[in-house]
Amino acid sequence: MGNIDVGDVKTIFGRRLKQALIEKNVQQKTLADALKISDKTMSSYVHGNANPTLLGLAKIAKYLNISADFLLGLSNELKPLENIDDPIGEDILMIRRSYTSMPEHQRKAVLRLVQSITEDE
């Protein structure tokens, strides 16, 4: 991985936070109040002048129900967090992880199996 400039991280985080606030229709002040931080601190995050602590990042992601990867610029998908309390969701995540690690021929076999099962219903 190449060198990452701290200024770039702050800028990316600020842009992504602003985008998430707009898309989730959440005011900066509302998020600041929920996180128990000052409006000034929240503004510094949004304008790329500062970044939260790891705990702060986790709280922001959880409140907005988005991935921290999105906020950090590691993913371009503004998607909801996976619900790990949902047993079916856990099964789906396990299946997804297994499927993505399989070679192509095994993926095709899994797809054929699933298709044959669902055709019988």
PDB file of N, CA and C in Angstrom:
ATOM      1  N   MET A   1       0.857  -1.181   0.000  1.00  0.00           N
ATOM      2  CA  MET A   1       0.000   0.000   0.000  1.00  0.00           C
ATOM      3  C   MET A   1       0.893   1.230   0.000  1.00  0.00           C
ATOM      4  N   GLY A   2       0.546   2.225  -0.784  1.00  0.00           N
ATOM      5  CA  GLY A   2       1.328   3.446  -0.869  1.00  0.00           C
ATOM      6  C   GLY A   2       1.182   4.307   0.367  1.00  0.00           C
ATOM      7  N   ASN A   3       1.985   5.371   0.390  1.00  0.00           N
ATOM      8  CA  ASN A   3       1.903   6.296   1.516  1.00  0.00           C
ATOM      9  C   ASN A   3       0.582   7.045   1.485  1.00  0.00           C
ATOM     10  N   ILE A   4      -0.008   7.185   2.656  1.00  0.00           N
ATOM     11  CA  ILE A   4      -1.267   7.914   2.778  1.00  0.00           C
ATOM     12  C   ILE A   4      -0.993   9.191   3.537  1.00  0.00           C
ATOM     13  N   ASP A   5      -1.344  10.301   2.943  1.00  0.00           N
ATOM     14  CA  ASP A   5      -1.152  11.604   3.562  1.00  0.00           C
ATOM     15  C   ASP A   5      -2.272  11.868   4.561  1.00  0.00           C
ATOM     16  N   VAL A   6      -1.894  12.314   5.769  1.00  0.00           N
ATOM     17  CA  VAL A   6      -2.879  12.593   6.819  1.00  0.00           C
ATOM     18  C   VAL A   6      -3.891  13.626   6.351  1.00  0.00           C
ATOM     19  N   GLY A   7      -3.436  14.612   5.608  1.00  0.00           N
ATOM     20  CA  GLY A   7      -4.347  15.628   5.084  1.00  0.00           C
ATOM     21  C   GLY A   7      -5.394  15.034   4.155  1.00  0.00           C
ATOM     22  N   ASP A   8      -4.971  14.055   3.345  1.00  0.00           N
ATOM     23  CA  ASP A   8      -5.916  13.385   2.446  1.00  0.00           C
ATOM     24  C   ASP A   8      -6.986  12.644   3.232  1.00  0.00           C
ATOM     25  N   VAL A   9      -6.577  11.966   4.293  1.00  0.00           N
ATOM     26  CA  VAL A   9      -7.527  11.222   5.122  1.00  0.00           C
ATOM     27  C   VAL A   9      -8.549  12.172   5.728  1.00  0.00           C
ATOM     28  N   LYS A  10      -8.084  13.301   6.245  1.00  0.00           N
ATOM     29  CA  LYS A  10      -9.005  14.281   6.832  1.00  0.00           C
ATOM     30  C   LYS A  10      -9.985  14.803   5.786  1.00  0.00           C
ATOM     31  N   THR A  11      -9.466  15.105   4.606  1.00  0.00           N
ATOM     32  CA  THR A  11     -10.312  15.632   3.534  1.00  0.00           C
ATOM     33  C   THR A  11     -11.341  14.599   3.092  1.00  0.00           C
ATOM     34  N   ILE A  12     -10.885  13.369   2.882  1.00  0.00           N
ATOM     35  CA  ILE A  12     -11.793  12.297   2.465  1.00  0.00           C
ATOM     36  C   ILE A  12     -12.860  12.076   3.528  1.00  0.00           C
ATOM     37  N   PHE A  13     -12.431  11.972   4.786  1.00  0.00           N
ATOM     38  CA  PHE A  13     -13.393  11.750   5.866  1.00  0.00           C
ATOM     39  C   PHE A  13     -14.421  12.874   5.904  1.00  0.00           C
ATOM     40  N   GLY A  14     -13.974  14.103   5.809  1.00  0.00           N
ATOM     41  CA  GLY A  14     -14.884  15.244   5.848  1.00  0.00           C
ATOM     42  C   GLY A  14     -15.898  15.213   4.722  1.00  0.00           C
ATOM     43  N   ARG A  15     -15.426  14.929   3.503  1.00  0.00           N
ATOM     44  CA  ARG A  15     -16.334  14.861   2.352  1.00  0.00           C
ATOM     45  C   ARG A  15     -17.345  13.734   2.509  1.00  0.00           C
ATOM     46  N   ARG A  16     -16.860  12.584   2.963  1.00  0.00           N
ATOM     47  CA  ARG A  16     -17.734  11.428   3.119  1.00  0.00           C
ATOM     48  C   ARG A  16     -18.747  11.651   4.246  1.00  0.00           C
ATOM     49  N   LEU A  17     -18.307  12.272   5.330  1.00  0.00           N
ATOM     50  CA  LEU A  17     -19.226  12.559   6.434  1.00  0.00           C
ATOM     51  C   LEU A  17     -20.314  13.517   5.964  1.00  0.00           C
ATOM     52  N   LYS A  18     -19.916  14.542   5.239  1.00  0.00           N
ATOM     53  CA  LYS A  18     -20.889  15.512   4.725  1.00  0.00           C
ATOM     54  C   LYS A  18     -21.891  14.821   3.799  1.00  0.00           C
ATOM     55  N   GLN A  19     -21.403  13.965   2.910  1.00  0.00           N
ATOM     56  CA  GLN A  19     -22.277  13.228   1.997  1.00  0.00           C
ATOM     57  C   GLN A  19     -23.260  12.353   2.774  1.00  0.00           C
ATOM     58  N   ALA A  20     -22.758  11.650   3.787  1.00  0.00           N
ATOM     59  CA  ALA A  20     -23.624  10.769   4.580  1.00  0.00           C
ATOM     60  C   ALA A  20     -24.685  11.566   5.328  1.00  0.00           C
ATOM     61  N   LEU A  21     -24.297  12.703   5.882  1.00  0.00           N
ATOM     62  CA  LEU A  21     -25.263  13.545   6.593  1.00  0.00           C
ATOM     63  C   LEU A  21     -26.377  14.003   5.648  1.00  0.00           C
ATOM     64  N   ILE A  22     -26.004  14.390   4.440  1.00  0.00           N
ATOM     65  CA  ILE A  22     -27.002  14.840   3.461  1.00  0.00           C
ATOM     66  C   ILE A  22     -27.924  13.682   3.068  1.00  0.00           C
ATOM     67  N   GLU A  23     -27.319  12.547   2.715  1.00  0.00           N
ATOM     68  CA  GLU A  23     -28.121  11.412   2.252  1.00  0.00           C
ATOM     69  C   GLU A  23     -29.001  10.829   3.350  1.00  0.00           C
ATOM     70  N   LYS A  24     -28.542  10.907   4.591  1.00  0.00           N
ATOM     71  CA  LYS A  24     -29.328  10.386   5.717  1.00  0.00           C
ATOM     72  C   LYS A  24     -30.241  11.457   6.312  1.00  0.00           C
ATOM     73  N   ASN A  25     -30.158  12.669   5.758  1.00  0.00           N
ATOM     74  CA  ASN A  25     -30.977  13.794   6.220  1.00  0.00           C
ATOM     75  C   ASN A  25     -30.786  14.052   7.722  1.00  0.00           C
ATOM     76  N   VAL A  26     -29.517  14.105   8.132  1.00  0.00           N
ATOM     77  CA  VAL A  26     -29.158  14.354   9.532  1.00  0.00           C
ATOM     78  C   VAL A  26     -28.377  15.664   9.592  1.00  0.00           C
ATOM     79  N   GLN A  27     -28.758  16.531  10.497  1.00  0.00           N
ATOM     80  CA  GLN A  27     -28.057  17.799  10.688  1.00  0.00           C
ATOM     81  C   GLN A  27     -26.765  17.563  11.471  1.00  0.00           C
ATOM     82  N   GLN A  28     -25.745  18.378  11.196  1.00  0.00           N
ATOM     83  CA  GLN A  28     -24.482  18.283  11.939  1.00  0.00           C
ATOM     84  C   GLN A  28     -24.728  18.392  13.437  1.00  0.00           C
ATOM     85  N   LYS A  29     -25.568  19.333  13.834  1.00  0.00           N
ATOM     86  CA  LYS A  29     -25.838  19.561  15.254  1.00  0.00           C
ATOM     87  C   LYS A  29     -26.485  18.336  15.892  1.00  0.00           C
ATOM     88  N   THR A  30     -27.381  17.697  15.169  1.00  0.00           N
ATOM     89  CA  THR A  30     -28.048  16.498  15.689  1.00  0.00           C
ATOM     90  C   THR A  30     -27.028  15.404  15.976  1.00  0.00           C
ATOM     91  N   LEU A  31     -26.113  15.197  15.032  1.00  0.00           N
ATOM     92  CA  LEU A  31     -25.077  14.187  15.221  1.00  0.00           C
ATOM     93  C   LEU A  31     -24.136  14.588  16.347  1.00  0.00           C
ATOM     94  N   ALA A  32     -23.748  15.847  16.394  1.00  0.00           N
ATOM     95  CA  ALA A  32     -22.867  16.328  17.467  1.00  0.00           C
ATOM     96  C   ALA A  32     -23.512  16.095  18.831  1.00  0.00           C
ATOM     97  N   ASP A  33     -24.788  16.428  18.953  1.00  0.00           N
ATOM     98  CA  ASP A  33     -25.497  16.223  20.221  1.00  0.00           C
ATOM     99  C   ASP A  33     -25.547  14.742  20.592  1.00  0.00           C
ATOM    100  N   ALA A  34     -25.821  13.892  19.610  1.00  0.00           N
ATOM    101  CA  ALA A  34     -25.900  12.450  19.864  1.00  0.00           C
ATOM    102  C   ALA A  34     -24.557  11.886  20.320  1.00  0.00           C
ATOM    103  N   LEU A  35     -23.473  12.444  19.790  1.00  0.00           N
ATOM    104  CA  LEU A  35     -22.130  11.964  20.141  1.00  0.00           C
ATOM    105  C   LEU A  35     -21.547  12.680  21.353  1.00  0.00           C
ATOM    106  N   LYS A  36     -22.289  13.679  21.833  1.00  0.00           N
ATOM    107  CA  LYS A  36     -21.841  14.485  22.977  1.00  0.00           C
ATOM    108  C   LYS A  36     -20.506  15.179  22.688  1.00  0.00           C
ATOM    109  N   ILE A  37     -20.444  15.778  21.487  1.00  0.00           N
ATOM    110  CA  ILE A  37     -19.285  16.590  21.123  1.00  0.00           C
ATOM    111  C   ILE A  37     -19.794  17.975  20.745  1.00  0.00           C
ATOM    112  N   SER A  38     -18.894  18.929  20.710  1.00  0.00           N
ATOM    113  CA  SER A  38     -19.307  20.302  20.404  1.00  0.00           C
ATOM    114  C   SER A  38     -19.625  20.459  18.915  1.00  0.00           C
ATOM    115  N   ASP A  39     -20.428  21.475  18.627  1.00  0.00           N
ATOM    116  CA  ASP A  39     -20.732  21.797  17.228  1.00  0.00           C
ATOM    117  C   ASP A  39     -19.446  22.143  16.478  1.00  0.00           C
ATOM    118  N   LYS A  40     -18.520  22.801  17.184  1.00  0.00           N
ATOM    119  CA  LYS A  40     -17.244  23.199  16.584  1.00  0.00           C
ATOM    120  C   LYS A  40     -16.436  21.963  16.170  1.00  0.00           C
ATOM    121  N   THR A  41     -16.412  20.954  17.035  1.00  0.00           N
ATOM    122  CA  THR A  41     -15.691  19.723  16.712  1.00  0.00           C
ATOM    123  C   THR A  41     -16.315  19.042  15.504  1.00  0.00           C
ATOM    124  N   MET A  42     -17.646  18.958  15.493  1.00  0.00           N
ATOM    125  CA  MET A  42     -18.335  18.335  14.355  1.00  0.00           C
ATOM    126  C   MET A  42     -18.037  19.103  13.071  1.00  0.00           C
ATOM    127  N   SER A  43     -18.052  20.415  13.148  1.00  0.00           N
ATOM    128  CA  SER A  43     -17.756  21.243  11.985  1.00  0.00           C
ATOM    129  C   SER A  43     -16.334  20.986  11.489  1.00  0.00           C
ATOM    130  N   SER A  44     -15.401  20.800  12.419  1.00  0.00           N
ATOM    131  CA  SER A  44     -14.014  20.539  12.008  1.00  0.00           C
ATOM    132  C   SER A  44     -13.899  19.188  11.309  1.00  0.00           C
ATOM    133  N   TYR A  45     -14.727  18.216  11.699  1.00  0.00           N
ATOM    134  CA  TYR A  45     -14.741  16.924  10.999  1.00  0.00           C
ATOM    135  C   TYR A  45     -15.259  17.109   9.576  1.00  0.00           C
ATOM    136  N   VAL A  46     -16.400  17.789   9.452  1.00  0.00           N
ATOM    137  CA  VAL A  46     -17.055  17.963   8.152  1.00  0.00           C
ATOM    138  C   VAL A  46     -16.188  18.765   7.185  1.00  0.00           C
ATOM    139  N   HIS A  47     -15.444  19.736   7.712  1.00  0.00           N
ATOM    140  CA  HIS A  47     -14.606  20.579   6.852  1.00  0.00           C
ATOM    141  C   HIS A  47     -13.204  20.009   6.634  1.00  0.00           C
ATOM    142  N   GLY A  48     -12.949  18.809   7.153  1.00  0.00           N
ATOM    143  CA  GLY A  48     -11.670  18.158   6.917  1.00  0.00           C
ATOM    144  C   GLY A  48     -10.512  18.733   7.698  1.00  0.00           C
ATOM    145  N   ASN A  49     -10.813  19.416   8.806  1.00  0.00           N
ATOM    146  CA  ASN A  49      -9.751  19.987   9.630  1.00  0.00           C
ATOM    147  C   ASN A  49      -9.333  19.068  10.767  1.00  0.00           C
ATOM    148  N   ALA A  50     -10.129  18.045  11.045  1.00  0.00           N
ATOM    149  CA  ALA A  50      -9.821  17.100  12.117  1.00  0.00           C
ATOM    150  C   ALA A  50     -10.534  15.786  11.835  1.00  0.00           C
ATOM    151  N   ASN A  51     -10.061  14.733  12.465  1.00  0.00           N
ATOM    152  CA  ASN A  51     -10.705  13.423  12.391  1.00  0.00           C
ATOM    153  C   ASN A  51     -11.055  12.968  13.798  1.00  0.00           C
ATOM    154  N   PRO A  52     -12.102  12.168  13.928  1.00  0.00           N
ATOM    155  CA  PRO A  52     -12.461  11.651  15.247  1.00  0.00           C
ATOM    156  C   PRO A  52     -11.492  10.556  15.682  1.00  0.00           C
ATOM    157  N   THR A  53     -11.577  10.196  16.940  1.00  0.00           N
ATOM    158  CA  THR A  53     -10.840   9.030  17.429  1.00  0.00           C
ATOM    159  C   THR A  53     -11.467   7.781  16.806  1.00  0.00           C
ATOM    160  N   LEU A  54     -10.851   6.643  17.000  1.00  0.00           N
ATOM    161  CA  LEU A  54     -11.442   5.401  16.493  1.00  0.00           C
ATOM    162  C   LEU A  54     -12.811   5.155  17.111  1.00  0.00           C
ATOM    163  N   LEU A  55     -12.933   5.435  18.409  1.00  0.00           N
ATOM    164  CA  LEU A  55     -14.227   5.281  19.072  1.00  0.00           C
ATOM    165  C   LEU A  55     -15.240   6.251  18.469  1.00  0.00           C
ATOM    166  N   GLY A  56     -14.809   7.479  18.213  1.00  0.00           N
ATOM    167  CA  GLY A  56     -15.688   8.464  17.587  1.00  0.00           C
ATOM    168  C   GLY A  56     -16.120   8.031  16.198  1.00  0.00           C
ATOM    169  N   LEU A  57     -15.187   7.485  15.432  1.00  0.00           N
ATOM    170  CA  LEU A  57     -15.501   6.975  14.097  1.00  0.00           C
ATOM    171  C   LEU A  57     -16.557   5.877  14.186  1.00  0.00           C
ATOM    172  N   ALA A  58     -16.366   4.956  15.121  1.00  0.00           N
ATOM    173  CA  ALA A  58     -17.330   3.864  15.297  1.00  0.00           C
ATOM    174  C   ALA A  58     -18.708   4.399  15.671  1.00  0.00           C
ATOM    175  N   LYS A  59     -18.748   5.396  16.545  1.00  0.00           N
ATOM    176  CA  LYS A  59     -20.030   5.975  16.963  1.00  0.00           C
ATOM    177  C   LYS A  59     -20.728   6.681  15.806  1.00  0.00           C
ATOM    178  N   ILE A  60     -19.957   7.398  14.999  1.00  0.00           N
ATOM    179  CA  ILE A  60     -20.527   8.089  13.835  1.00  0.00           C
ATOM    180  C   ILE A  60     -21.105   7.066  12.859  1.00  0.00           C
ATOM    181  N   ALA A  61     -20.330   6.037  12.551  1.00  0.00           N
ATOM    182  CA  ALA A  61     -20.787   5.003  11.617  1.00  0.00           C
ATOM    183  C   ALA A  61     -22.049   4.324  12.139  1.00  0.00           C
ATOM    184  N   LYS A  62     -22.057   4.018  13.426  1.00  0.00           N
ATOM    185  CA  LYS A  62     -23.222   3.349  14.011  1.00  0.00           C
ATOM    186  C   LYS A  62     -24.441   4.266  13.979  1.00  0.00           C
ATOM    187  N   TYR A  63     -24.276   5.525  14.350  1.00  0.00           N
ATOM    188  CA  TYR A  63     -25.406   6.462  14.374  1.00  0.00           C
ATOM    189  C   TYR A  63     -26.002   6.630  12.977  1.00  0.00           C
ATOM    190  N   LEU A  64     -25.136   6.760  11.979  1.00  0.00           N
ATOM    191  CA  LEU A  64     -25.595   6.966  10.603  1.00  0.00           C
ATOM    192  C   LEU A  64     -25.937   5.650   9.894  1.00  0.00           C
ATOM    193  N   ASN A  65     -25.664   4.538  10.578  1.00  0.00           N
ATOM    194  CA  ASN A  65     -25.908   3.201  10.032  1.00  0.00           C
ATOM    195  C   ASN A  65     -25.204   3.011   8.684  1.00  0.00           C
ATOM    196  N   ILE A  66     -23.906   3.329   8.688  1.00  0.00           N
ATOM    197  CA  ILE A  66     -23.081   3.155   7.495  1.00  0.00           C
ATOM    198  C   ILE A  66     -21.757   2.518   7.896  1.00  0.00           C
ATOM    199  N   SER A  67     -21.033   2.065   6.925  1.00  0.00           N
ATOM    200  CA  SER A  67     -19.742   1.446   7.152  1.00  0.00           C
ATOM    201  C   SER A  67     -18.665   2.501   7.412  1.00  0.00           C
ATOM    202  N   ALA A  68     -17.794   2.220   8.366  1.00  0.00           N
ATOM    203  CA  ALA A  68     -16.649   3.101   8.599  1.00  0.00           C
ATOM    204  C   ALA A  68     -15.747   3.109   7.367  1.00  0.00           C
ATOM    205  N   ASP A  69     -15.746   2.014   6.617  1.00  0.00           N
ATOM    206  CA  ASP A  69     -14.966   1.956   5.376  1.00  0.00           C
ATOM    207  C   ASP A  69     -15.371   3.071   4.424  1.00  0.00           C
ATOM    208  N   PHE A  70     -16.669   3.351   4.348  1.00  0.00           N
ATOM    209  CA  PHE A  70     -17.140   4.427   3.485  1.00  0.00           C
ATOM    210  C   PHE A  70     -16.578   5.757   3.969  1.00  0.00           C
ATOM    211  N   LEU A  71     -16.679   6.009   5.271  1.00  0.00           N
ATOM    212  CA  LEU A  71     -16.207   7.281   5.828  1.00  0.00           C
ATOM    213  C   LEU A  71     -14.708   7.477   5.621  1.00  0.00           C
ATOM    214  N   LEU A  72     -13.965   6.384   5.620  1.00  0.00           N
ATOM    215  CA  LEU A  72     -12.510   6.462   5.466  1.00  0.00           C
ATOM    216  C   LEU A  72     -12.062   6.442   4.006  1.00  0.00           C
ATOM    217  N   GLY A  73     -13.017   6.286   3.088  1.00  0.00           N
ATOM    218  CA  GLY A  73     -12.671   6.259   1.675  1.00  0.00           C
ATOM    219  C   GLY A  73     -12.182   4.911   1.192  1.00  0.00           C
ATOM    220  N   LEU A  74     -12.384   3.864   1.991  1.00  0.00           N
ATOM    221  CA  LEU A  74     -11.954   2.526   1.600  1.00  0.00           C
ATOM    222  C   LEU A  74     -13.013   1.802   0.781  1.00  0.00           C
ATOM    223  N   SER A  75     -14.229   2.334   0.788  1.00  0.00           N
ATOM    224  CA  SER A  75     -15.341   1.782   0.024  1.00  0.00           C
ATOM    225  C   SER A  75     -16.152   2.945  -0.527  1.00  0.00           C
ATOM    226  N   ASN A  76     -16.732   2.754  -1.680  1.00  0.00           N
ATOM    227  CA  ASN A  76     -17.566   3.802  -2.264  1.00  0.00           C
ATOM    228  C   ASN A  76     -19.047   3.565  -2.027  1.00  0.00           C
ATOM    229  N   GLU A  77     -19.371   2.514  -1.285  1.00  0.00           N
ATOM    230  CA  GLU A  77     -20.766   2.172  -1.039  1.00  0.00           C
ATOM    231  C   GLU A  77     -21.235   2.734   0.296  1.00  0.00           C
ATOM    232  N   LEU A  78     -22.232   3.592   0.232  1.00  0.00           N
ATOM    233  CA  LEU A  78     -22.846   4.139   1.439  1.00  0.00           C
ATOM    234  C   LEU A  78     -23.955   3.167   1.822  1.00  0.00           C
ATOM    235  N   LYS A  79     -23.553   2.047   2.423  1.00  0.00           N
ATOM    236  CA  LYS A  79     -24.528   1.003   2.709  1.00  0.00           C
ATOM    237  C   LYS A  79     -24.727   0.850   4.210  1.00  0.00           C
ATOM    238  N   PRO A  80     -25.878   0.341   4.586  1.00  0.00           N
ATOM    239  CA  PRO A  80     -26.136   0.133   6.012  1.00  0.00           C
ATOM    240  C   PRO A  80     -25.203  -0.911   6.596  1.00  0.00           C
ATOM    241  N   LEU A  81     -24.981  -0.800   7.885  1.00  0.00           N
ATOM    242  CA  LEU A  81     -24.204  -1.804   8.589  1.00  0.00           C
ATOM    243  C   LEU A  81     -24.969  -3.111   8.588  1.00  0.00           C
ATOM    244  N   GLU A  82     -24.256  -4.217   8.594  1.00  0.00           N
ATOM    245  CA  GLU A  82     -24.896  -5.525   8.690  1.00  0.00           C
ATOM    246  C   GLU A  82     -25.420  -5.702  10.106  1.00  0.00           C
ATOM    247  N   ASN A  83     -26.594  -6.273  10.229  1.00  0.00           N
ATOM    248  CA  ASN A  83     -27.181  -6.513  11.543  1.00  0.00           C
ATOM    249  C   ASN A  83     -26.678  -7.850  12.062  1.00  0.00           C
ATOM    250  N   ILE A  84     -25.690  -7.825  12.961  1.00  0.00           N
ATOM    251  CA  ILE A  84     -25.093  -9.066  13.448  1.00  0.00           C
ATOM    252  C   ILE A  84     -25.949  -9.751  14.503  1.00  0.00           C
ATOM    253  N   ASP A  85     -27.016  -9.095  14.985  1.00  0.00           N
ATOM    254  CA  ASP A  85     -27.910  -9.723  15.944  1.00  0.00           C
ATOM    255  C   ASP A  85     -28.925 -10.621  15.251  1.00  0.00           C
ATOM    256  N   ASP A  86     -29.008 -10.554  13.950  1.00  0.00           N
ATOM    257  CA  ASP A  86     -29.962 -11.328  13.169  1.00  0.00           C
ATOM    258  C   ASP A  86     -29.319 -12.656  12.783  1.00  0.00           C
ATOM    259  N   PRO A  87     -29.828 -13.800  13.323  1.00  0.00           N
ATOM    260  CA  PRO A  87     -29.197 -15.088  13.011  1.00  0.00           C
ATOM    261  C   PRO A  87     -29.199 -15.406  11.519  1.00  0.00           C
ATOM    262  N   ILE A  88     -30.250 -15.022  10.805  1.00  0.00           N
ATOM    263  CA  ILE A  88     -30.280 -15.260   9.362  1.00  0.00           C
ATOM    264  C   ILE A  88     -29.227 -14.396   8.680  1.00  0.00           C
ATOM    265  N   GLY A  89     -29.092 -13.160   9.147  1.00  0.00           N
ATOM    266  CA  GLY A  89     -28.069 -12.274   8.608  1.00  0.00           C
ATOM    267  C   GLY A  89     -26.675 -12.839   8.802  1.00  0.00           C
ATOM    268  N   GLU A  90     -26.445 -13.459   9.969  1.00  0.00           N
ATOM    269  CA  GLU A  90     -25.143 -14.078  10.233  1.00  0.00           C
ATOM    270  C   GLU A  90     -24.901 -15.228   9.265  1.00  0.00           C
ATOM    271  N   ASP A  91     -25.942 -16.032   9.016  1.00  0.00           N
ATOM    272  CA  ASP A  91     -25.813 -17.143   8.067  1.00  0.00           C
ATOM    273  C   ASP A  91     -25.492 -16.625   6.671  1.00  0.00           C
ATOM    274  N   ILE A  92     -26.185 -15.575   6.270  1.00  0.00           N
ATOM    275  CA  ILE A  92     -25.957 -15.005   4.941  1.00  0.00           C
ATOM    276  C   ILE A  92     -24.540 -14.455   4.827  1.00  0.00           C
ATOM    277  N   LEU A  93     -24.062 -13.788   5.888  1.00  0.00           N
ATOM    278  CA  LEU A  93     -22.687 -13.281   5.866  1.00  0.00           C
ATOM    279  C   LEU A  93     -21.684 -14.422   5.747  1.00  0.00           C
ATOM    280  N   MET A  94     -21.921 -15.522   6.484  1.00  0.00           N
ATOM    281  CA  MET A  94     -21.029 -16.673   6.424  1.00  0.00           C
ATOM    282  C   MET A  94     -21.039 -17.271   5.018  1.00  0.00           C
ATOM    283  N   ILE A  95     -22.238 -17.400   4.440  1.00  0.00           N
ATOM    284  CA  ILE A  95     -22.350 -17.936   3.080  1.00  0.00           C
ATOM    285  C   ILE A  95     -21.631 -17.018   2.095  1.00  0.00           C
ATOM    286  N   ARG A  96     -21.824 -15.726   2.250  1.00  0.00           N
ATOM    287  CA  ARG A  96     -21.185 -14.759   1.354  1.00  0.00           C
ATOM    288  C   ARG A  96     -19.662 -14.846   1.443  1.00  0.00           C
ATOM    289  N   ARG A  97     -19.142 -14.909   2.678  1.00  0.00           N
ATOM    290  CA  ARG A  97     -17.681 -15.008   2.848  1.00  0.00           C
ATOM    291  C   ARG A  97     -17.150 -16.280   2.198  1.00  0.00           C
ATOM    292  N   SER A  98     -17.859 -17.395   2.429  1.00  0.00           N
ATOM    293  CA  SER A  98     -17.432 -18.667   1.849  1.00  0.00           C
ATOM    294  C   SER A  98     -17.472 -18.609   0.327  1.00  0.00           C
ATOM    295  N   TYR A  99     -18.561 -18.090  -0.208  1.00  0.00           N
ATOM    296  CA  TYR A  99     -18.749 -18.019  -1.655  1.00  0.00           C
ATOM    297  C   TYR A  99     -17.661 -17.174  -2.316  1.00  0.00           C
ATOM    298  N   THR A 100     -17.365 -16.019  -1.726  1.00  0.00           N
ATOM    299  CA  THR A 100     -16.378 -15.131  -2.348  1.00  0.00           C
ATOM    300  C   THR A 100     -14.963 -15.693  -2.285  1.00  0.00           C
ATOM    301  N   SER A 101     -14.724 -16.638  -1.363  1.00  0.00           N
ATOM    302  CA  SER A 101     -13.379 -17.218  -1.280  1.00  0.00           C
ATOM    303  C   SER A 101     -13.229 -18.474  -2.144  1.00  0.00           C
ATOM    304  N   MET A 102     -14.324 -18.925  -2.760  1.00  0.00           N
ATOM    305  CA  MET A 102     -14.289 -20.141  -3.587  1.00  0.00           C
ATOM    306  C   MET A 102     -13.722 -19.852  -4.973  1.00  0.00           C
ATOM    307  N   PRO A 103     -13.088 -20.871  -5.564  1.00  0.00           N
ATOM    308  CA  PRO A 103     -12.698 -20.733  -6.970  1.00  0.00           C
ATOM    309  C   PRO A 103     -13.956 -20.723  -7.849  1.00  0.00           C
ATOM    310  N   GLU A 104     -13.806 -20.251  -9.058  1.00  0.00           N
ATOM    311  CA  GLU A 104     -14.939 -20.072  -9.975  1.00  0.00           C
ATOM    312  C   GLU A 104     -15.739 -21.357 -10.186  1.00  0.00           C
ATOM    313  N   HIS A 105     -15.068 -22.494 -10.344  1.00  0.00           N
ATOM    314  CA  HIS A 105     -15.801 -23.742 -10.604  1.00  0.00           C
ATOM    315  C   HIS A 105     -16.680 -24.138  -9.421  1.00  0.00           C
ATOM    316  N   GLN A 106     -16.228 -23.859  -8.201  1.00  0.00           N
ATOM    317  CA  GLN A 106     -17.054 -24.150  -7.029  1.00  0.00           C
ATOM    318  C   GLN A 106     -18.234 -23.183  -6.942  1.00  0.00           C
ATOM    319  N   ARG A 107     -18.018 -21.930  -7.306  1.00  0.00           N
ATOM    320  CA  ARG A 107     -19.121 -20.964  -7.309  1.00  0.00           C
ATOM    321  C   ARG A 107     -20.224 -21.417  -8.262  1.00  0.00           C
ATOM    322  N   LYS A 108     -19.820 -21.876  -9.449  1.00  0.00           N
ATOM    323  CA  LYS A 108     -20.810 -22.345 -10.426  1.00  0.00           C
ATOM    324  C   LYS A 108     -21.589 -23.539  -9.882  1.00  0.00           C
ATOM    325  N   ALA A 109     -20.893 -24.447  -9.194  1.00  0.00           N
ATOM    326  CA  ALA A 109     -21.563 -25.617  -8.614  1.00  0.00           C
ATOM    327  C   ALA A 109     -22.565 -25.188  -7.539  1.00  0.00           C
ATOM    328  N   VAL A 110     -22.189 -24.217  -6.718  1.00  0.00           N
ATOM    329  CA  VAL A 110     -23.097 -23.708  -5.685  1.00  0.00           C
ATOM    330  C   VAL A 110     -24.322 -23.078  -6.329  1.00  0.00           C
ATOM    331  N   LEU A 111     -24.126 -22.285  -7.357  1.00  0.00           N
ATOM    332  CA  LEU A 111     -25.252 -21.655  -8.050  1.00  0.00           C
ATOM    333  C   LEU A 111     -26.196 -22.697  -8.647  1.00  0.00           C
ATOM    334  N   ARG A 112     -25.626 -23.738  -9.260  1.00  0.00           N
ATOM    335  CA  ARG A 112     -26.475 -24.798  -9.827  1.00  0.00           C
ATOM    336  C   ARG A 112     -27.279 -25.485  -8.727  1.00  0.00           C
ATOM    337  N   LEU A 113     -26.644 -25.741  -7.593  1.00  0.00           N
ATOM    338  CA  LEU A 113     -27.327 -26.381  -6.472  1.00  0.00           C
ATOM    339  C   LEU A 113     -28.469 -25.510  -5.958  1.00  0.00           C
ATOM    340  N   VAL A 114     -28.208 -24.239  -5.755  1.00  0.00           N
ATOM    341  CA  VAL A 114     -29.244 -23.320  -5.266  1.00  0.00           C
ATOM    342  C   VAL A 114     -30.384 -23.227  -6.274  1.00  0.00           C
ATOM    343  N   GLN A 115     -30.055 -23.144  -7.548  1.00  0.00           N
ATOM    344  CA  GLN A 115     -31.097 -23.069  -8.579  1.00  0.00           C
ATOM    345  C   GLN A 115     -31.949 -24.333  -8.601  1.00  0.00           C
ATOM    346  N   SER A 116     -31.320 -25.492  -8.434  1.00  0.00           N
ATOM    347  CA  SER A 116     -32.097 -26.740  -8.445  1.00  0.00           C
ATOM    348  C   SER A 116     -32.994 -26.839  -7.213  1.00  0.00           C
ATOM    349  N   ILE A 117     -32.534 -26.347  -6.089  1.00  0.00           N
ATOM    350  CA  ILE A 117     -33.355 -26.364  -4.872  1.00  0.00           C
ATOM    351  C   ILE A 117     -34.546 -25.430  -5.018  1.00  0.00           C
ATOM    352  N   THR A 118     -34.308 -24.231  -5.529  1.00  0.00           N
ATOM    353  CA  THR A 118     -35.399 -23.255  -5.643  1.00  0.00           C
ATOM    354  C   THR A 118     -36.379 -23.616  -6.752  1.00  0.00           C
ATOM    355  N   GLU A 119     -35.947 -24.365  -7.754  1.00  0.00           N
ATOM    356  CA  GLU A 119     -36.864 -24.814  -8.810  1.00  0.00           C
ATOM    357  C   GLU A 119     -37.862 -25.831  -8.275  1.00  0.00           C
ATOM    358  N   ASP A 120     -37.454 -26.602  -7.270  1.00  0.00           N
ATOM    359  CA  ASP A 120     -38.325 -27.627  -6.691  1.00  0.00           C
ATOM    360  C   ASP A 120     -39.448 -27.032  -5.853  1.00  0.00           C
ATOM    361  N   GLU A 121     -39.310 -25.780  -5.454  1.00  0.00           N
ATOM    362  CA  GLU A 121     -40.316 -25.164  -4.576  1.00  0.00           C
ATOM    363  C   GLU A 121     -41.518 -24.686  -5.326  1.00  0.00           C
TER     364      GLU A 121
END
